[in-house]
Amino acid sequence: MGAGVIIELPWPAREVWPNYRQSHHWSSFTKARKQQRADAHKTVLWTTGSVALDERIPLQVHFYPPDRRKRDDDGCVGAFKSARDGIADALGIDDRRFKPTYWFHEPVKGGKVVVEIGEPT
């Protein structure tokens, strides 16, 4: 994959965060995880179409939280897992092929996750 493809996803729902999952029944977060995965899958398909992929695929993930509450970086990465799976599904690959880098930014209204797939543009 030559130049990177950039997609923008909504901020992860509270139900997909690791700390939420530890204290709630599995059925309370399964729907949110499936929705997050499906949203990422659709967004990638709309954005990339058909792409040729190299051996390891760089994945730059930029987290823009909706507010200034403190969040652990590993919590953000865990909350992104279903979206990462959806991206891999859309590309027809196993997510082990990703070579991720995570970036944490200042808050923006509503929050978002911006993902760059492939080499940076």
C-alpha atoms as a PDB file:
ATOM      1  CA  MET A   1       0.000   0.000   0.000  1.00  0.00           C
ATOM      2  CA  GLY A   2       1.682   3.177  -1.101  1.00  0.00           C
ATOM      3  CA  ALA A   3       0.344   6.382   0.368  1.00  0.00           C
ATOM      4  CA  GLY A   4      -1.741   6.088   3.499  1.00  0.00           C
ATOM      5  CA  VAL A   5      -5.513   6.008   3.590  1.00  0.00           C
ATOM      6  CA  ILE A   6      -7.054   8.081   6.373  1.00  0.00           C
ATOM      7  CA  ILE A   7     -10.351   7.208   8.014  1.00  0.00           C
ATOM      8  CA  GLU A   8     -12.166   8.918  10.867  1.00  0.00           C
ATOM      9  CA  LEU A   9     -14.141   6.898  13.407  1.00  0.00           C
ATOM     10  CA  PRO A  10     -16.305   8.033  16.307  1.00  0.00           C
ATOM     11  CA  TRP A  11     -14.907   8.007  19.835  1.00  0.00           C
ATOM     12  CA  PRO A  12     -15.380   4.482  21.292  1.00  0.00           C
ATOM     13  CA  ALA A  13     -18.617   3.925  23.220  1.00  0.00           C
ATOM     14  CA  ARG A  14     -18.201   3.511  26.964  1.00  0.00           C
ATOM     15  CA  GLU A  15     -19.318  -0.117  26.694  1.00  0.00           C
ATOM     16  CA  VAL A  16     -16.163  -1.144  24.795  1.00  0.00           C
ATOM     17  CA  TRP A  17     -13.678   0.245  27.324  1.00  0.00           C
ATOM     18  CA  PRO A  18     -11.810  -2.442  29.297  1.00  0.00           C
ATOM     19  CA  ASN A  19     -12.812  -1.078  32.716  1.00  0.00           C
ATOM     20  CA  TYR A  20     -16.508  -1.100  31.752  1.00  0.00           C
ATOM     21  CA  ARG A  21     -16.259  -4.691  30.547  1.00  0.00           C
ATOM     22  CA  GLN A  22     -14.742  -5.821  33.853  1.00  0.00           C
ATOM     23  CA  SER A  23     -17.700  -4.614  35.884  1.00  0.00           C
ATOM     24  CA  HIS A  24     -20.655  -5.454  33.613  1.00  0.00           C
ATOM     25  CA  HIS A  25     -22.241  -8.567  32.191  1.00  0.00           C
ATOM     26  CA  TRP A  26     -20.928  -9.550  28.730  1.00  0.00           C
ATOM     27  CA  SER A  27     -24.306  -8.927  27.099  1.00  0.00           C
ATOM     28  CA  SER A  28     -24.126  -5.232  28.012  1.00  0.00           C
ATOM     29  CA  PHE A  29     -21.109  -4.602  25.774  1.00  0.00           C
ATOM     30  CA  THR A  30     -21.373  -7.207  23.005  1.00  0.00           C
ATOM     31  CA  LYS A  31     -23.730  -5.087  20.890  1.00  0.00           C
ATOM     32  CA  ALA A  32     -21.440  -2.040  21.162  1.00  0.00           C
ATOM     33  CA  ARG A  33     -18.375  -4.088  20.158  1.00  0.00           C
ATOM     34  CA  LYS A  34     -20.184  -5.517  17.121  1.00  0.00           C
ATOM     35  CA  GLN A  35     -21.369  -2.035  16.110  1.00  0.00           C
ATOM     36  CA  GLN A  36     -17.866  -0.569  16.463  1.00  0.00           C
ATOM     37  CA  ARG A  37     -16.425  -3.356  14.327  1.00  0.00           C
ATOM     38  CA  ALA A  38     -19.117  -2.953  11.648  1.00  0.00           C
ATOM     39  CA  ASP A  39     -18.675   0.843  11.547  1.00  0.00           C
ATOM     40  CA  ALA A  40     -14.914   0.527  11.050  1.00  0.00           C
ATOM     41  CA  HIS A  41     -15.419  -2.139   8.385  1.00  0.00           C
ATOM     42  CA  LYS A  42     -17.858   0.034   6.398  1.00  0.00           C
ATOM     43  CA  THR A  43     -15.680   3.139   6.718  1.00  0.00           C
ATOM     44  CA  VAL A  44     -12.617   1.328   5.379  1.00  0.00           C
ATOM     45  CA  LEU A  45     -14.536  -0.161   2.449  1.00  0.00           C
ATOM     46  CA  TRP A  46     -15.953   3.249   1.486  1.00  0.00           C
ATOM     47  CA  THR A  47     -12.524   4.859   1.730  1.00  0.00           C
ATOM     48  CA  THR A  48     -10.107   2.329   0.287  1.00  0.00           C
ATOM     49  CA  GLY A  49     -11.937   0.211  -2.275  1.00  0.00           C
ATOM     50  CA  SER A  50      -9.451  -2.364  -3.505  1.00  0.00           C
ATOM     51  CA  VAL A  51      -5.896  -2.040  -2.210  1.00  0.00           C
ATOM     52  CA  ALA A  52      -2.678  -4.000  -2.534  1.00  0.00           C
ATOM     53  CA  LEU A  53      -1.105  -4.744   0.827  1.00  0.00           C
ATOM     54  CA  ASP A  54       2.514  -5.224   1.818  1.00  0.00           C
ATOM     55  CA  GLU A  55       3.761  -7.723   4.385  1.00  0.00           C
ATOM     56  CA  ARG A  56       3.396  -5.517   7.502  1.00  0.00           C
ATOM     57  CA  ILE A  57       0.942  -2.654   7.359  1.00  0.00           C
ATOM     58  CA  PRO A  58       1.653   0.546   9.285  1.00  0.00           C
ATOM     59  CA  LEU A  59      -1.343   1.684  11.303  1.00  0.00           C
ATOM     60  CA  GLN A  60      -1.207   5.160  12.831  1.00  0.00           C
ATOM     61  CA  VAL A  61      -4.014   5.571  15.378  1.00  0.00           C
ATOM     62  CA  HIS A  62      -4.738   9.085  16.700  1.00  0.00           C
ATOM     63  CA  PHE A  63      -7.007   9.411  19.741  1.00  0.00           C
ATOM     64  CA  TYR A  64      -8.827  12.725  20.223  1.00  0.00           C
ATOM     65  CA  PRO A  65     -10.881  12.390  23.431  1.00  0.00           C
ATOM     66  CA  PRO A  66     -14.186  14.223  23.873  1.00  0.00           C
ATOM     67  CA  ASP A  67     -13.106  15.839  27.162  1.00  0.00           C
ATOM     68  CA  ARG A  68     -10.125  16.338  29.489  1.00  0.00           C
ATOM     69  CA  ARG A  69     -10.793  13.324  31.722  1.00  0.00           C
ATOM     70  CA  LYS A  70      -7.654  11.299  32.276  1.00  0.00           C
ATOM     71  CA  ARG A  71      -7.550   8.048  30.304  1.00  0.00           C
ATOM     72  CA  ASP A  72      -4.906   5.353  30.349  1.00  0.00           C
ATOM     73  CA  ASP A  73      -3.219   4.763  27.025  1.00  0.00           C
ATOM     74  CA  ASP A  74      -3.796   1.002  27.352  1.00  0.00           C
ATOM     75  CA  GLY A  75      -7.507   1.672  27.929  1.00  0.00           C
ATOM     76  CA  CYS A  76      -7.694   3.655  24.675  1.00  0.00           C
ATOM     77  CA  VAL A  77      -5.933   0.872  22.798  1.00  0.00           C
ATOM     78  CA  GLY A  78      -8.262  -1.738  24.344  1.00  0.00           C
ATOM     79  CA  ALA A  79     -11.342   0.302  23.447  1.00  0.00           C
ATOM     80  CA  PHE A  80     -10.098   0.492  19.849  1.00  0.00           C
ATOM     81  CA  LYS A  81      -9.744  -3.313  19.484  1.00  0.00           C
ATOM     82  CA  SER A  82     -13.116  -3.967  17.823  1.00  0.00           C
ATOM     83  CA  ALA A  83     -12.516  -1.144  15.342  1.00  0.00           C
ATOM     84  CA  ARG A  84      -9.083  -2.582  14.545  1.00  0.00           C
ATOM     85  CA  ASP A  85     -10.721  -5.951  13.873  1.00  0.00           C
ATOM     86  CA  GLY A  86     -13.243  -4.254  11.571  1.00  0.00           C
ATOM     87  CA  ILE A  87     -10.445  -2.565   9.621  1.00  0.00           C
ATOM     88  CA  ALA A  88      -8.653  -5.902   9.219  1.00  0.00           C
ATOM     89  CA  ASP A  89     -11.935  -7.552   8.108  1.00  0.00           C
ATOM     90  CA  ALA A  90     -12.462  -4.892   5.450  1.00  0.00           C
ATOM     91  CA  LEU A  91      -8.923  -5.366   4.141  1.00  0.00           C
ATOM     92  CA  GLY A  92      -9.281  -9.149   4.220  1.00  0.00           C
ATOM     93  CA  ILE A  93      -6.294  -9.664   6.510  1.00  0.00           C
ATOM     94  CA  ASP A  94      -5.489 -10.832  10.024  1.00  0.00           C
ATOM     95  CA  ASP A  95      -4.934  -7.880  12.360  1.00  0.00           C
ATOM     96  CA  ARG A  96      -1.544  -9.379  13.345  1.00  0.00           C
ATOM     97  CA  ARG A  97      -0.250  -7.851  10.102  1.00  0.00           C
ATOM     98  CA  PHE A  98      -0.669  -4.332  11.476  1.00  0.00           C
ATOM     99  CA  LYS A  99       2.326  -2.449  12.789  1.00  0.00           C
ATOM    100  CA  PRO A 100       0.491   0.043  15.032  1.00  0.00           C
ATOM    101  CA  THR A 101       1.626   3.356  16.455  1.00  0.00           C
ATOM    102  CA  TYR A 102      -0.667   5.160  18.869  1.00  0.00           C
ATOM    103  CA  TRP A 103      -0.877   8.931  19.342  1.00  0.00           C
ATOM    104  CA  PHE A 104      -2.803  10.789  22.042  1.00  0.00           C
ATOM    105  CA  HIS A 105      -3.998  14.332  21.331  1.00  0.00           C
ATOM    106  CA  GLU A 106      -5.867  17.174  22.953  1.00  0.00           C
ATOM    107  CA  PRO A 107      -9.657  16.839  23.223  1.00  0.00           C
ATOM    108  CA  VAL A 108     -12.009  17.773  20.389  1.00  0.00           C
ATOM    109  CA  LYS A 109     -15.768  18.201  20.596  1.00  0.00           C
ATOM    110  CA  GLY A 110     -17.443  14.779  20.515  1.00  0.00           C
ATOM    111  CA  GLY A 111     -14.102  12.943  20.349  1.00  0.00           C
ATOM    112  CA  LYS A 112     -12.842  10.866  17.440  1.00  0.00           C
ATOM    113  CA  VAL A 113     -10.268   8.314  16.391  1.00  0.00           C
ATOM    114  CA  VAL A 114      -8.351   9.018  13.189  1.00  0.00           C
ATOM    115  CA  VAL A 115      -6.637   6.030  11.606  1.00  0.00           C
ATOM    116  CA  GLU A 116      -4.028   6.141   8.862  1.00  0.00           C
ATOM    117  CA  ILE A 117      -3.583   2.810   7.111  1.00  0.00           C
ATOM    118  CA  GLY A 118      -0.355   2.318   5.178  1.00  0.00           C
ATOM    119  CA  GLU A 119       2.577   4.657   4.803  1.00  0.00           C
ATOM    120  CA  PRO A 120       2.012   8.201   6.090  1.00  0.00           C
ATOM    121  CA  THR A 121       0.967  10.685   3.418  1.00  0.00           C
END
